[in-house]
Structures are given as structure tokens and as C-alpha cells.
N, C-alpha and C. Protein backbone atom coordinates (compact mmCIF):
# COMPACT_ATOMS: atom_id res chain seq x y z
N MET A 1 -117.08 105.47 111.08
CA MET A 1 -116.64 106.35 110.17
C MET A 1 -117.39 105.64 108.60
N TRP A 2 -116.87 104.54 108.52
CA TRP A 2 -117.19 104.19 107.21
C TRP A 2 -118.71 104.15 106.97
N HIS A 3 -119.49 104.03 108.00
CA HIS A 3 -121.01 104.10 108.20
C HIS A 3 -121.78 105.45 107.29
N ILE A 4 -120.96 106.27 108.10
CA ILE A 4 -121.06 108.04 107.61
C ILE A 4 -120.89 107.98 106.18
N THR A 5 -119.72 107.60 106.29
CA THR A 5 -119.10 107.69 104.60
C THR A 5 -120.23 107.14 103.70
N THR A 6 -120.69 106.07 104.07
CA THR A 6 -121.60 105.55 102.94
C THR A 6 -122.78 105.88 103.16
N ILE A 7 -123.36 106.70 104.20
CA ILE A 7 -124.68 107.25 104.38
C ILE A 7 -124.47 108.77 103.41
N MET A 8 -122.99 109.30 103.49
CA MET A 8 -122.73 110.28 102.76
C MET A 8 -122.84 110.11 101.12
N ILE A 9 -122.43 108.93 100.85
CA ILE A 9 -122.20 108.76 99.33
C ILE A 9 -123.68 108.26 98.81
N LEU A 10 -124.15 107.66 99.44
CA LEU A 10 -125.81 107.47 99.19
C LEU A 10 -126.39 108.76 98.90
N SER A 11 -126.14 109.76 99.80
CA SER A 11 -127.06 110.76 99.93
C SER A 11 -126.80 111.87 98.59
N TRP A 12 -125.33 111.61 98.34
CA TRP A 12 -124.75 112.48 97.12
C TRP A 12 -125.34 112.04 95.93
N LEU A 13 -125.63 110.35 95.46
CA LEU A 13 -126.18 109.66 94.47
C LEU A 13 -127.82 110.16 94.56
N ALA A 14 -128.16 109.72 95.73
CA ALA A 14 -129.84 110.53 95.60
C ALA A 14 -129.91 111.66 95.07
N THR A 15 -128.77 112.60 95.31
CA THR A 15 -129.32 114.36 94.87
C THR A 15 -128.83 114.59 93.59
N TYR A 16 -127.59 114.05 93.30
CA TYR A 16 -126.99 114.17 91.97
C TYR A 16 -126.81 113.32 91.02
N GLY A 17 -127.09 111.64 91.11
CA GLY A 17 -127.01 111.06 90.24
C GLY A 17 -125.57 111.04 89.83
N TYR A 18 -125.94 111.03 88.61
CA TYR A 18 -124.52 110.34 87.72
C TYR A 18 -123.39 111.34 88.01
N TRP A 19 -123.73 112.96 88.04
CA TRP A 19 -122.80 113.78 88.08
C TRP A 19 -121.46 113.68 89.33
N ALA A 20 -122.73 112.87 90.64
CA ALA A 20 -121.71 112.22 91.70
C ALA A 20 -120.79 111.54 91.38
N VAL A 21 -121.11 110.72 90.52
CA VAL A 21 -120.32 109.26 89.88
C VAL A 21 -119.49 109.74 89.16
N LEU A 22 -119.32 111.03 88.48
CA LEU A 22 -118.21 111.69 87.49
C LEU A 22 -117.34 112.71 88.59
N PHE A 23 -118.18 113.65 89.40
CA PHE A 23 -117.34 114.14 89.83
C PHE A 23 -116.57 113.52 91.07
N GLY A 24 -117.02 112.55 91.67
CA GLY A 24 -116.47 111.77 92.67
C GLY A 24 -115.01 110.90 92.29
N VAL A 25 -114.81 110.08 91.03
CA VAL A 25 -114.07 109.68 90.19
C VAL A 25 -112.89 110.72 89.77
N MET A 26 -113.65 111.88 89.47
CA MET A 26 -112.52 112.90 88.87
C MET A 26 -111.50 113.08 89.88
N ILE A 27 -112.40 113.79 91.08
CA ILE A 27 -111.47 114.37 92.11
C ILE A 27 -110.61 113.21 92.39
N GLU A 28 -110.95 112.40 92.70
CA GLU A 28 -109.77 110.92 93.27
C GLU A 28 -108.57 110.83 92.19
N SER A 29 -109.36 111.42 90.86
CA SER A 29 -107.90 111.05 89.89
C SER A 29 -106.78 112.31 89.85
N THR A 30 -107.31 113.14 90.61
CA THR A 30 -106.59 114.59 90.23
C THR A 30 -105.35 114.17 91.19
N GLY A 31 -105.57 113.03 92.26
CA GLY A 31 -104.65 113.16 93.45
C GLY A 31 -105.15 113.50 94.64
N ILE A 32 -105.97 113.71 94.61
CA ILE A 32 -106.65 114.26 96.01
C ILE A 32 -107.53 113.12 96.49
N PRO A 33 -107.16 112.62 98.19
CA PRO A 33 -107.85 111.24 98.83
C PRO A 33 -109.85 111.74 98.76
N PHE A 34 -110.28 110.68 98.05
CA PHE A 34 -111.30 110.68 97.90
C PHE A 34 -111.96 109.45 97.21
N PRO A 35 -113.31 109.37 98.00
CA PRO A 35 -113.36 107.41 97.49
C PRO A 35 -114.17 107.65 96.35
N GLY A 36 -113.81 107.88 95.14
CA GLY A 36 -114.01 107.93 94.09
C GLY A 36 -114.66 106.50 93.46
N GLU A 37 -113.91 105.47 93.49
CA GLU A 37 -113.79 103.97 93.33
C GLU A 37 -115.41 103.36 94.15
N THR A 38 -115.41 104.11 95.69
CA THR A 38 -116.63 103.37 96.08
C THR A 38 -117.59 103.85 95.57
N ILE A 39 -117.69 105.40 95.32
CA ILE A 39 -118.90 105.91 94.60
C ILE A 39 -119.48 105.20 93.38
N LEU A 40 -118.12 104.90 92.56
CA LEU A 40 -118.88 104.10 91.46
C LEU A 40 -119.42 102.67 91.61
N LEU A 41 -118.82 102.05 93.02
CA LEU A 41 -119.42 100.70 93.40
C LEU A 41 -120.89 100.86 93.96
N ALA A 42 -120.89 102.12 94.56
CA ALA A 42 -122.30 101.99 95.33
C ALA A 42 -123.48 102.64 94.21
N ALA A 43 -122.65 103.83 93.28
CA ALA A 43 -123.88 103.59 91.95
C ALA A 43 -124.34 102.53 91.16
N ALA A 44 -122.99 101.72 91.12
CA ALA A 44 -123.39 100.37 90.09
C ALA A 44 -124.52 99.54 91.23
N VAL A 45 -124.12 99.36 92.53
CA VAL A 45 -125.21 98.57 93.27
C VAL A 45 -126.84 99.27 93.23
N THR A 46 -126.49 100.58 93.16
CA THR A 46 -127.93 101.35 93.02
C THR A 46 -128.76 100.83 92.06
N ALA A 47 -127.97 100.88 90.69
CA ALA A 47 -128.67 100.88 89.34
C ALA A 47 -129.12 99.05 89.39
N GLY A 48 -128.34 98.39 90.16
CA GLY A 48 -128.84 96.71 89.73
C GLY A 48 -130.13 96.42 90.84
N SER A 49 -129.86 97.46 91.87
CA SER A 49 -131.20 96.82 92.90
C SER A 49 -132.25 97.47 92.84
N THR A 50 -132.15 99.12 92.55
CA THR A 50 -133.10 100.16 92.32
C THR A 50 -133.91 100.52 91.13
N GLN A 51 -133.15 100.15 90.26
CA GLN A 51 -133.00 100.54 88.95
C GLN A 51 -133.27 102.12 88.50
N LYS A 52 -133.27 103.08 89.47
CA LYS A 52 -133.08 104.39 89.62
C LYS A 52 -131.92 104.93 88.67
N LEU A 53 -130.74 104.40 88.46
CA LEU A 53 -129.57 105.03 87.60
C LEU A 53 -129.53 103.33 86.91
N ALA A 54 -129.49 103.97 85.70
CA ALA A 54 -128.86 103.29 84.49
C ALA A 54 -127.27 102.84 84.39
N ILE A 55 -126.95 101.70 84.62
CA ILE A 55 -125.51 101.20 84.67
C ILE A 55 -124.60 101.73 83.54
N HIS A 56 -125.27 101.58 82.53
CA HIS A 56 -124.61 102.04 81.47
C HIS A 56 -123.99 103.27 81.57
N ILE A 57 -124.86 104.40 82.28
CA ILE A 57 -124.72 105.93 82.17
C ILE A 57 -123.50 105.94 83.13
N VAL A 58 -123.83 105.13 84.50
CA VAL A 58 -122.78 105.39 85.30
C VAL A 58 -121.35 104.83 85.11
N ILE A 59 -121.23 104.08 83.97
CA ILE A 59 -119.92 103.40 83.66
C ILE A 59 -119.51 104.42 82.88
N LEU A 60 -120.22 105.53 81.70
CA LEU A 60 -119.59 106.19 81.05
C LEU A 60 -119.41 107.45 82.04
N ALA A 61 -120.11 107.72 82.88
CA ALA A 61 -119.66 108.91 84.22
C ALA A 61 -118.69 108.40 84.67
N ALA A 62 -118.22 107.47 84.90
CA ALA A 62 -117.06 107.05 85.67
C ALA A 62 -115.58 107.13 84.96
N ILE A 63 -115.87 106.85 83.28
CA ILE A 63 -114.97 106.95 82.38
C ILE A 63 -114.75 108.06 82.00
N ALA A 64 -115.56 108.98 82.08
CA ALA A 64 -115.38 110.62 82.09
C ALA A 64 -114.58 111.28 83.20
N GLY A 65 -114.91 110.82 84.27
CA GLY A 65 -114.09 111.36 85.22
C GLY A 65 -112.88 110.87 85.74
N ALA A 66 -112.60 109.79 85.39
CA ALA A 66 -111.11 109.15 85.16
C ALA A 66 -110.68 110.04 84.34
N ILE A 67 -110.86 110.12 83.38
CA ILE A 67 -110.12 110.52 82.02
C ILE A 67 -109.87 112.13 82.20
N ILE A 68 -110.84 113.03 83.10
CA ILE A 68 -110.64 114.24 82.87
C ILE A 68 -109.79 114.60 84.38
N GLY A 69 -110.38 114.02 85.41
CA GLY A 69 -109.07 113.70 86.43
C GLY A 69 -108.03 113.52 86.37
N ASP A 70 -107.61 112.39 85.53
CA ASP A 70 -106.39 112.26 85.20
C ASP A 70 -105.60 113.09 84.26
N ASN A 71 -106.18 113.39 83.60
CA ASN A 71 -105.82 114.69 82.54
C ASN A 71 -105.22 116.14 83.43
N ILE A 72 -105.85 116.53 84.52
CA ILE A 72 -105.65 117.52 85.03
C ILE A 72 -104.36 117.34 86.14
N GLY A 73 -104.58 116.01 86.73
CA GLY A 73 -103.38 115.70 87.36
C GLY A 73 -102.36 115.21 86.60
N PHE A 74 -102.32 115.03 85.46
CA PHE A 74 -101.04 114.64 84.48
C PHE A 74 -100.70 116.44 84.30
N TRP A 75 -101.22 117.33 83.92
CA TRP A 75 -100.96 118.52 84.11
C TRP A 75 -100.51 119.58 85.30
N ILE A 76 -100.98 119.41 86.33
CA ILE A 76 -100.25 119.56 87.30
C ILE A 76 -98.95 119.22 87.60
N GLY A 77 -98.87 117.80 87.51
CA GLY A 77 -97.59 117.46 87.44
C GLY A 77 -96.63 118.23 86.70
N ARG A 78 -97.01 118.22 85.34
CA ARG A 78 -96.18 118.61 84.44
C ARG A 78 -95.68 120.16 84.36
N GLU A 79 -96.71 120.78 84.89
CA GLU A 79 -96.73 122.60 85.15
C GLU A 79 -95.82 122.93 86.25
N GLY A 80 -96.35 122.15 87.38
CA GLY A 80 -95.95 122.05 88.90
C GLY A 80 -95.16 121.03 89.56
N GLY A 81 -95.47 119.89 89.46
CA GLY A 81 -94.83 118.57 89.72
C GLY A 81 -93.08 118.89 89.55
N TYR A 82 -93.15 119.34 88.06
CA TYR A 82 -91.87 119.21 87.84
C TYR A 82 -90.81 120.32 88.06
N ARG A 83 -91.56 121.54 88.41
CA ARG A 83 -90.73 122.69 88.86
C ARG A 83 -90.43 122.29 90.25
N LEU A 84 -91.38 121.95 91.08
CA LEU A 84 -90.49 121.51 92.50
C LEU A 84 -89.74 120.54 92.80
N LEU A 85 -89.70 119.19 91.48
CA LEU A 85 -88.62 118.61 91.54
C LEU A 85 -87.03 119.03 91.00
N ARG A 86 -87.35 119.73 90.18
CA ARG A 86 -86.19 120.73 89.78
C ARG A 86 -85.40 121.46 90.61
N ARG A 87 -86.18 122.17 91.58
CA ARG A 87 -85.72 123.26 92.45
C ARG A 87 -85.73 122.33 94.00
N TYR A 88 -86.30 121.55 94.49
CA TYR A 88 -86.20 121.25 95.75
C TYR A 88 -86.15 119.55 95.45
N GLY A 89 -85.80 118.80 94.41
CA GLY A 89 -84.96 117.45 94.34
C GLY A 89 -83.63 116.95 94.86
N LYS A 90 -83.19 118.32 95.14
CA LYS A 90 -81.54 117.80 95.33
C LYS A 90 -81.65 117.67 97.04
N TYR A 91 -82.64 118.47 97.72
CA TYR A 91 -82.94 118.01 99.11
C TYR A 91 -83.25 116.61 99.46
N VAL A 92 -83.59 116.03 98.51
CA VAL A 92 -84.08 114.20 98.68
C VAL A 92 -83.28 113.88 98.13
N ARG A 93 -82.04 114.25 97.58
CA ARG A 93 -81.16 113.20 96.75
C ARG A 93 -81.79 112.88 95.00
N LEU A 94 -82.46 114.00 94.71
CA LEU A 94 -82.78 113.61 93.65
C LEU A 94 -82.02 114.81 92.61
N ASP A 95 -80.95 114.74 92.18
CA ASP A 95 -80.35 115.58 91.56
C ASP A 95 -80.99 115.42 89.84
N GLU A 96 -80.02 115.80 89.08
CA GLU A 96 -80.29 116.02 87.53
C GLU A 96 -80.65 114.66 86.74
N ARG A 97 -79.15 113.78 87.26
CA ARG A 97 -79.28 112.86 86.70
C ARG A 97 -80.35 111.91 87.01
N LYS A 98 -80.91 111.74 88.03
CA LYS A 98 -81.73 110.60 88.59
C LYS A 98 -83.04 111.52 88.02
N ILE A 99 -83.36 112.64 88.03
CA ILE A 99 -84.52 112.83 87.39
C ILE A 99 -84.51 112.52 85.95
N LYS A 100 -83.76 112.70 85.21
CA LYS A 100 -83.75 112.30 83.77
C LYS A 100 -84.16 110.84 83.81
N VAL A 101 -83.51 109.93 85.04
CA VAL A 101 -83.65 108.40 84.76
C VAL A 101 -85.14 108.18 85.08
N GLY A 102 -85.84 109.00 85.85
CA GLY A 102 -87.05 108.76 85.75
C GLY A 102 -87.89 109.41 84.86
N GLN A 103 -87.53 110.28 83.94
CA GLN A 103 -88.04 110.80 82.87
C GLN A 103 -87.92 109.51 81.40
N TYR A 104 -86.46 109.03 81.48
CA TYR A 104 -85.79 107.95 80.71
C TYR A 104 -87.21 106.50 80.88
N LEU A 105 -87.21 106.29 82.55
CA LEU A 105 -88.20 105.11 82.62
C LEU A 105 -89.69 105.46 82.41
N PHE A 106 -90.16 106.50 82.40
CA PHE A 106 -91.70 106.82 82.01
C PHE A 106 -91.79 106.81 80.29
N LEU A 107 -90.91 107.15 79.78
CA LEU A 107 -90.67 107.26 78.42
C LEU A 107 -90.86 106.06 78.09
N LYS A 108 -90.17 105.05 78.56
CA LYS A 108 -90.11 103.40 78.44
C LYS A 108 -91.28 102.51 78.98
N HIS A 109 -91.65 103.24 79.77
CA HIS A 109 -92.49 102.23 80.64
C HIS A 109 -93.80 102.68 81.05
N GLY A 110 -94.09 104.01 80.99
CA GLY A 110 -95.07 104.75 81.50
C GLY A 110 -96.17 104.71 81.23
N GLY A 111 -96.63 103.95 79.99
CA GLY A 111 -97.77 103.39 79.63
C GLY A 111 -98.06 102.51 80.93
N MET A 112 -97.41 101.35 80.84
CA MET A 112 -97.98 100.22 81.85
C MET A 112 -98.25 100.98 83.22
N VAL A 113 -97.80 101.90 83.79
CA VAL A 113 -97.56 102.82 85.18
C VAL A 113 -98.86 103.21 85.25
N VAL A 114 -99.58 103.92 83.97
CA VAL A 114 -100.71 104.54 83.69
C VAL A 114 -101.61 103.95 84.12
N PHE A 115 -101.86 102.71 82.86
CA PHE A 115 -103.15 101.48 82.67
C PHE A 115 -103.03 100.74 83.82
N PHE A 116 -101.95 100.08 84.47
CA PHE A 116 -102.06 99.41 85.70
C PHE A 116 -102.49 100.05 87.10
N GLY A 117 -102.10 101.24 87.09
CA GLY A 117 -102.02 102.05 88.06
C GLY A 117 -103.74 102.40 88.57
N ARG A 118 -104.53 102.39 87.46
CA ARG A 118 -105.95 102.54 87.63
C ARG A 118 -106.64 101.83 88.53
N PHE A 119 -105.95 100.42 88.47
CA PHE A 119 -106.79 99.45 89.47
C PHE A 119 -106.06 99.36 90.87
N VAL A 120 -104.90 100.12 91.26
CA VAL A 120 -104.15 100.46 92.58
C VAL A 120 -104.69 101.49 93.35
N ALA A 121 -105.36 101.13 94.43
CA ALA A 121 -105.71 102.54 95.13
C ALA A 121 -104.73 104.33 95.25
N PHE A 122 -103.42 103.61 95.33
CA PHE A 122 -102.54 104.84 95.61
C PHE A 122 -102.30 105.11 94.15
N LEU A 123 -102.07 104.28 93.44
CA LEU A 123 -101.26 104.83 92.04
C LEU A 123 -102.76 105.48 91.49
N ARG A 124 -103.74 104.95 91.64
CA ARG A 124 -105.17 105.40 90.83
C ARG A 124 -105.19 107.09 91.32
N ALA A 125 -104.60 107.37 92.33
CA ALA A 125 -104.65 108.66 92.66
C ALA A 125 -103.49 109.44 91.92
N TRP A 126 -102.21 108.72 92.04
CA TRP A 126 -101.33 109.67 91.84
C TRP A 126 -100.43 108.86 90.50
N ALA A 127 -100.65 108.24 89.68
CA ALA A 127 -99.96 107.91 88.45
C ALA A 127 -100.15 109.04 87.78
N ALA A 128 -101.03 109.63 87.20
CA ALA A 128 -101.49 110.79 86.30
C ALA A 128 -100.03 111.97 86.84
N PHE A 129 -100.36 111.89 87.84
CA PHE A 129 -99.28 112.97 88.34
C PHE A 129 -97.98 112.90 88.17
N LEU A 130 -97.82 111.59 88.62
CA LEU A 130 -96.12 111.33 88.57
C LEU A 130 -95.70 111.19 86.72
N ALA A 131 -96.78 110.71 86.11
CA ALA A 131 -96.47 110.73 84.50
C ALA A 131 -96.13 112.47 84.09
N GLY A 132 -97.08 113.47 84.75
CA GLY A 132 -96.70 114.57 84.03
C GLY A 132 -95.36 115.26 84.73
N THR A 133 -95.26 114.68 86.02
CA THR A 133 -93.91 115.58 86.43
C THR A 133 -92.49 114.70 85.84
N ASN A 134 -93.05 113.32 85.50
CA ASN A 134 -91.48 112.95 84.69
C ASN A 134 -91.45 113.17 82.96
N ARG A 135 -92.58 113.94 82.80
CA ARG A 135 -92.67 114.41 81.54
C ARG A 135 -93.04 113.54 80.38
N MET A 136 -93.86 112.72 80.94
CA MET A 136 -94.22 111.79 79.79
C MET A 136 -94.93 112.28 78.65
N HIS A 137 -94.92 112.00 77.45
CA HIS A 137 -95.60 112.58 76.13
C HIS A 137 -97.04 112.25 76.24
N TRP A 138 -97.90 113.55 76.35
CA TRP A 138 -99.45 113.64 76.25
C TRP A 138 -100.35 112.42 75.65
N LEU A 139 -99.89 112.47 74.58
CA LEU A 139 -100.79 111.67 73.49
C LEU A 139 -100.55 109.96 74.37
N PRO A 140 -99.52 109.52 74.41
CA PRO A 140 -99.41 108.21 74.65
C PRO A 140 -100.07 107.92 76.28
N PHE A 141 -99.94 109.17 77.19
CA PHE A 141 -100.45 109.05 78.47
C PHE A 141 -101.92 108.68 78.24
N LEU A 142 -102.81 109.97 77.30
CA LEU A 142 -104.26 109.86 77.22
C LEU A 142 -104.52 108.14 76.56
N LEU A 143 -103.88 107.44 75.53
CA LEU A 143 -104.46 106.53 75.37
C LEU A 143 -104.48 105.30 76.33
N TYR A 144 -103.05 105.25 77.23
CA TYR A 144 -102.87 104.64 78.18
C TYR A 144 -104.16 104.79 79.24
N ASN A 145 -104.32 105.99 79.50
CA ASN A 145 -105.18 106.51 80.45
C ASN A 145 -106.14 106.13 80.46
N ALA A 146 -106.91 106.21 78.96
CA ALA A 146 -108.35 106.34 78.50
C ALA A 146 -108.80 104.65 78.51
N THR A 147 -107.41 103.90 78.07
CA THR A 147 -107.94 102.46 77.98
C THR A 147 -107.80 102.09 79.36
N GLY A 148 -107.25 102.39 80.41
CA GLY A 148 -107.63 101.62 81.64
C GLY A 148 -108.63 102.45 82.19
N ALA A 149 -109.32 103.43 82.26
CA ALA A 149 -110.54 103.66 82.49
C ALA A 149 -111.40 103.33 81.83
N ILE A 150 -111.63 102.67 80.81
CA ILE A 150 -112.61 102.19 80.26
C ILE A 150 -112.59 100.99 80.84
N LEU A 151 -111.80 100.21 80.96
CA LEU A 151 -111.87 98.75 81.56
C LEU A 151 -111.87 98.68 83.39
N TRP A 152 -111.20 99.90 83.68
CA TRP A 152 -111.78 99.91 85.13
C TRP A 152 -112.78 99.81 85.80
N ALA A 153 -113.42 101.14 85.02
CA ALA A 153 -115.04 101.38 85.20
C ALA A 153 -116.00 100.29 84.78
N THR A 154 -115.46 99.77 83.82
CA THR A 154 -116.77 98.34 83.12
C THR A 154 -116.60 97.15 84.09
N ILE A 155 -115.30 97.12 84.51
CA ILE A 155 -115.05 95.97 85.55
C ILE A 155 -115.92 96.18 87.07
N TYR A 156 -115.47 97.12 87.18
CA TYR A 156 -116.13 97.41 88.65
C TYR A 156 -117.76 97.97 88.58
N GLY A 157 -117.84 98.40 87.65
CA GLY A 157 -119.25 98.88 87.39
C GLY A 157 -120.22 97.54 87.37
N LEU A 158 -119.56 97.04 86.02
CA LEU A 158 -120.62 95.56 85.95
C LEU A 158 -120.56 94.75 87.57
N ALA A 159 -119.25 94.81 88.29
CA ALA A 159 -119.33 93.98 89.34
C ALA A 159 -120.06 94.25 90.55
N GLY A 160 -120.30 95.70 90.53
CA GLY A 160 -121.49 96.06 91.85
C GLY A 160 -122.85 96.00 90.92
N TYR A 161 -123.15 95.89 89.85
CA TYR A 161 -124.47 95.79 89.24
C TYR A 161 -125.04 94.57 89.21
N LEU A 162 -124.11 93.61 88.86
CA LEU A 162 -124.47 92.04 89.08
C LEU A 162 -124.25 91.34 90.52
N LEU A 163 -123.37 91.75 91.54
CA LEU A 163 -123.33 91.11 92.72
C LEU A 163 -123.86 92.24 93.66
N GLY A 164 -124.26 92.78 93.37
CA GLY A 164 -124.95 93.80 94.53
C GLY A 164 -124.19 94.42 95.48
N ASN A 165 -125.10 94.09 96.96
CA ASN A 165 -124.39 94.20 98.35
C ASN A 165 -123.02 93.24 98.62
N ASN A 166 -123.33 92.19 97.82
CA ASN A 166 -121.77 91.39 97.74
C ASN A 166 -120.96 91.46 97.05
N VAL A 167 -120.57 92.68 96.29
CA VAL A 167 -119.54 93.38 95.56
C VAL A 167 -118.14 92.94 96.52
N HIS A 168 -118.45 93.56 97.50
CA HIS A 168 -117.33 93.55 98.47
C HIS A 168 -116.44 91.77 98.57
N LEU A 169 -117.19 91.19 98.33
CA LEU A 169 -116.83 89.56 98.69
C LEU A 169 -115.65 89.37 97.35
N LEU A 170 -115.90 90.22 96.31
CA LEU A 170 -115.20 90.31 94.81
C LEU A 170 -114.09 91.17 95.08
N THR A 171 -114.38 92.48 95.16
CA THR A 171 -113.62 93.68 95.00
C THR A 171 -112.36 93.77 96.56
N GLY A 172 -113.10 93.05 97.70
CA GLY A 172 -111.89 93.32 98.98
C GLY A 172 -110.83 92.21 98.33
N PRO A 173 -110.77 90.86 98.17
CA PRO A 173 -109.81 90.29 97.59
C PRO A 173 -108.70 90.91 96.52
N LEU A 174 -109.59 91.35 95.44
CA LEU A 174 -109.06 91.65 94.48
C LEU A 174 -108.15 92.84 94.99
N GLY A 175 -108.85 94.26 95.71
CA GLY A 175 -107.96 95.04 96.51
C GLY A 175 -106.48 94.42 97.03
N ILE A 176 -106.89 93.73 97.77
CA ILE A 176 -105.57 93.32 98.14
C ILE A 176 -104.68 92.74 97.62
N VAL A 177 -105.32 91.73 96.44
CA VAL A 177 -104.06 91.00 95.45
C VAL A 177 -103.18 92.38 94.49
N ALA A 178 -104.10 93.53 94.37
CA ALA A 178 -103.39 94.63 93.97
C ALA A 178 -102.48 95.10 94.65
N ILE A 179 -102.42 95.46 95.91
CA ILE A 179 -101.83 96.25 96.77
C ILE A 179 -100.74 94.94 97.09
N VAL A 180 -100.90 93.91 97.28
CA VAL A 180 -99.69 93.07 97.35
C VAL A 180 -98.76 93.07 96.07
N VAL A 181 -99.55 93.19 94.68
CA VAL A 181 -98.57 93.06 93.68
C VAL A 181 -97.96 94.51 93.37
N ALA A 182 -98.65 95.52 93.99
CA ALA A 182 -97.92 96.82 93.43
C ALA A 182 -96.78 97.05 94.34
N LEU A 183 -96.79 96.23 95.81
CA LEU A 183 -95.47 96.42 96.85
C LEU A 183 -94.49 95.41 96.23
N VAL A 184 -94.85 94.76 95.61
CA VAL A 184 -93.77 93.59 95.25
C VAL A 184 -93.14 94.23 94.14
N VAL A 185 -94.03 94.63 93.02
CA VAL A 185 -93.56 95.71 92.26
C VAL A 185 -92.57 97.09 92.40
N CYS A 186 -92.73 97.36 93.46
CA CYS A 186 -92.26 98.39 93.81
C CYS A 186 -90.95 98.34 94.53
N VAL A 187 -90.76 96.99 95.33
CA VAL A 187 -89.54 96.49 95.70
C VAL A 187 -88.52 96.10 94.65
N ALA A 188 -89.33 95.61 93.61
CA ALA A 188 -88.30 95.37 92.61
C ALA A 188 -87.80 96.44 91.66
N VAL A 189 -88.49 97.09 91.40
CA VAL A 189 -88.40 98.43 90.86
C VAL A 189 -86.92 99.09 91.55
N VAL A 190 -87.24 99.14 92.97
CA VAL A 190 -86.17 99.99 93.90
C VAL A 190 -85.05 98.87 93.71
N LEU A 191 -84.74 97.59 93.77
CA LEU A 191 -83.94 96.85 93.78
C LEU A 191 -83.03 97.03 92.19
N PHE A 192 -83.95 96.89 91.55
CA PHE A 192 -83.50 96.83 89.71
C PHE A 192 -82.77 98.37 89.86
N LEU A 193 -83.17 99.57 90.40
CA LEU A 193 -82.49 100.80 90.08
C LEU A 193 -81.32 101.26 90.93
N ARG A 194 -81.30 100.51 92.23
CA ARG A 194 -79.91 100.13 93.08
C ARG A 194 -78.90 99.78 92.09
N THR A 195 -79.70 98.54 91.55
CA THR A 195 -78.38 97.56 91.19
C THR A 195 -77.76 97.97 89.49
N HIS A 196 -79.09 98.70 88.99
CA HIS A 196 -78.34 99.35 87.68
C HIS A 196 -78.57 100.76 87.15
N GLU A 197 -78.41 101.48 88.48
CA GLU A 197 -78.03 102.86 88.77
C GLU A 197 -77.03 103.64 87.77
N LYS A 198 -76.12 103.42 87.66
CA LYS A 198 -75.25 103.55 86.82
C LYS A 198 -75.35 103.67 85.20
N ARG A 199 -76.13 102.27 84.72
CA ARG A 199 -75.94 101.98 83.34
C ARG A 199 -77.58 103.04 82.88
N LEU A 200 -78.36 102.79 83.92
CA LEU A 200 -80.02 103.97 83.63
C LEU A 200 -78.99 105.33 83.25
N GLU A 201 -78.40 105.92 84.82
CA GLU A 201 -78.11 107.05 84.23
C GLU A 201 -77.13 107.42 83.13
N GLU A 202 -76.34 106.55 82.64
CA GLU A 202 -75.93 106.84 81.13
C GLU A 202 -76.92 106.72 80.19
N GLU A 203 -77.70 105.80 79.83
CA GLU A 203 -78.69 105.46 78.94
C GLU A 203 -79.62 106.85 79.19
N ALA A 204 -79.87 107.30 80.19
CA ALA A 204 -81.14 108.26 80.43
C ALA A 204 -80.29 109.58 79.73
N GLU A 205 -78.93 109.90 79.90
CA GLU A 205 -78.10 111.18 79.32
C GLU A 205 -78.34 110.68 78.14
N ARG A 206 -77.81 109.89 77.31
CA ARG A 206 -78.13 109.75 75.94
C ARG A 206 -79.03 109.96 74.84
N VAL A 207 -80.73 109.56 76.03
CA VAL A 207 -81.86 110.25 75.35
C VAL A 207 -82.10 111.47 75.66
N PHE A 208 -81.58 111.88 77.03
CA PHE A 208 -81.93 113.61 77.43
C PHE A 208 -80.80 113.90 77.42
N PRO A 209 -79.74 114.44 76.26
CA PRO A 209 -78.19 114.85 76.43
C PRO A 209 -78.37 116.66 77.04
N GLY A 210 -77.33 116.90 78.01
CA GLY A 210 -77.46 118.28 77.97
C GLY A 210 -78.37 118.68 79.61
N PRO A 211 -78.13 119.79 79.44
CA PRO A 211 -79.45 120.26 80.79
C PRO A 211 -80.37 120.11 80.48
N LEU A 212 -81.20 119.65 81.68
CA LEU A 212 -82.68 119.37 81.38
C LEU A 212 -83.75 121.16 81.44
N GLN A 213 -84.34 121.16 80.33
CA GLN A 213 -85.17 122.29 80.02
C GLN A 213 -85.86 122.81 81.08
């Protein structure tokens, strides 16, 4: 299956060039399962080995795709995800007080989630949607989103360009480390929320008094 996927990606790059990078990364960033990062790496390797693509344009295309896709995911979450959460959250034990806690945490720490989420497979696709769903302000979101996108595209683009087909020797371990760190952080967050649930609810209520809009 991976071999077929690789052939398809190389075919897309041969046919559409930089547009394949832009749209591939953009689709993944909206929350749709898609090998955006793999397309970026494949394009960077192609740029380094064949010179048919310019690495600086590959990186710029990935940055543009990440920013555009994340903003689409953000607005989908803000307009649709939030309404679904308000309507059906009670069925998964997410009442109004807990929704306020989510908004409060994204108000305080959402920037870090958006920035570092760009480097973790699952969060790369969903961080923007979660930020929108939890009503994070758009300008801080855009700042952290753009910064993370620039750094991510530059690191992975240059890694593919310089290491060629050996890039998996670097990205593989880095991906595993990122997943492990993300899991540890998730467990720590869950434990923290359970331990400080009442205090967080009180703080969230002070920041967002009254019924949610």
C-alpha cells in the first residue's frame, strides 16, 4: 500500500508540481486524512535529486498550504464544531461548564497547541479545528499557526532536500519522539484536568460568566 501511495505522490508531483505540495498540505491541515507531510518530503527529495523543483518554492508552497488549510479547519471548528459541541456535548459528558474549561485552556495555552501541533501527525490535522471549536481568538491563532507552518515546512523541506532518500532515517525517529511526547503530554493534561477540575471550572466561569453565546 505504501508503495502504491509513493507512486501516486510522485505522479502528482510530476503532473502538478508545486500545486501538489500546496493542496496536499492544505487538505491534511483542514482535518482530512491525507499524506501532506509525505508530499512535502517527496517534493523536497525530488528538488534535491533531480532539480526539477526549486526547494525554496516547495517550502513556500507547503507554508501556504499549511496556513490556508489550518484557517479553513479553524473556521469549520468555529462555525460547525462549536455548534455540534453545544448541541451534543451533553451526550459525552461535556456540559456547559466543561466547554468553558476548554475555551479557558485554549485562551491561555491554545497558541502552544497550535504551534507544536504542526509537528505531531494527529494534531497537525486537528489542532486548528480544536482551536476553532474552543473559540480561540483568530489573530493569536494565525500568529502561532503561521510561525509553526514556517518552521515545520522549512525543517522538513531542507531535511528532504539535503538527505534525499535517507530522510526517513531522521524523520522516522523524530516522528516517534513527537508521538511519544504528545502521548505523555495528553496523559499529563488528562490527569491535571481531573485533579484540578473544580478550580478550572471556577476560573473559566470568572472569565466567561453567564450562559455561553
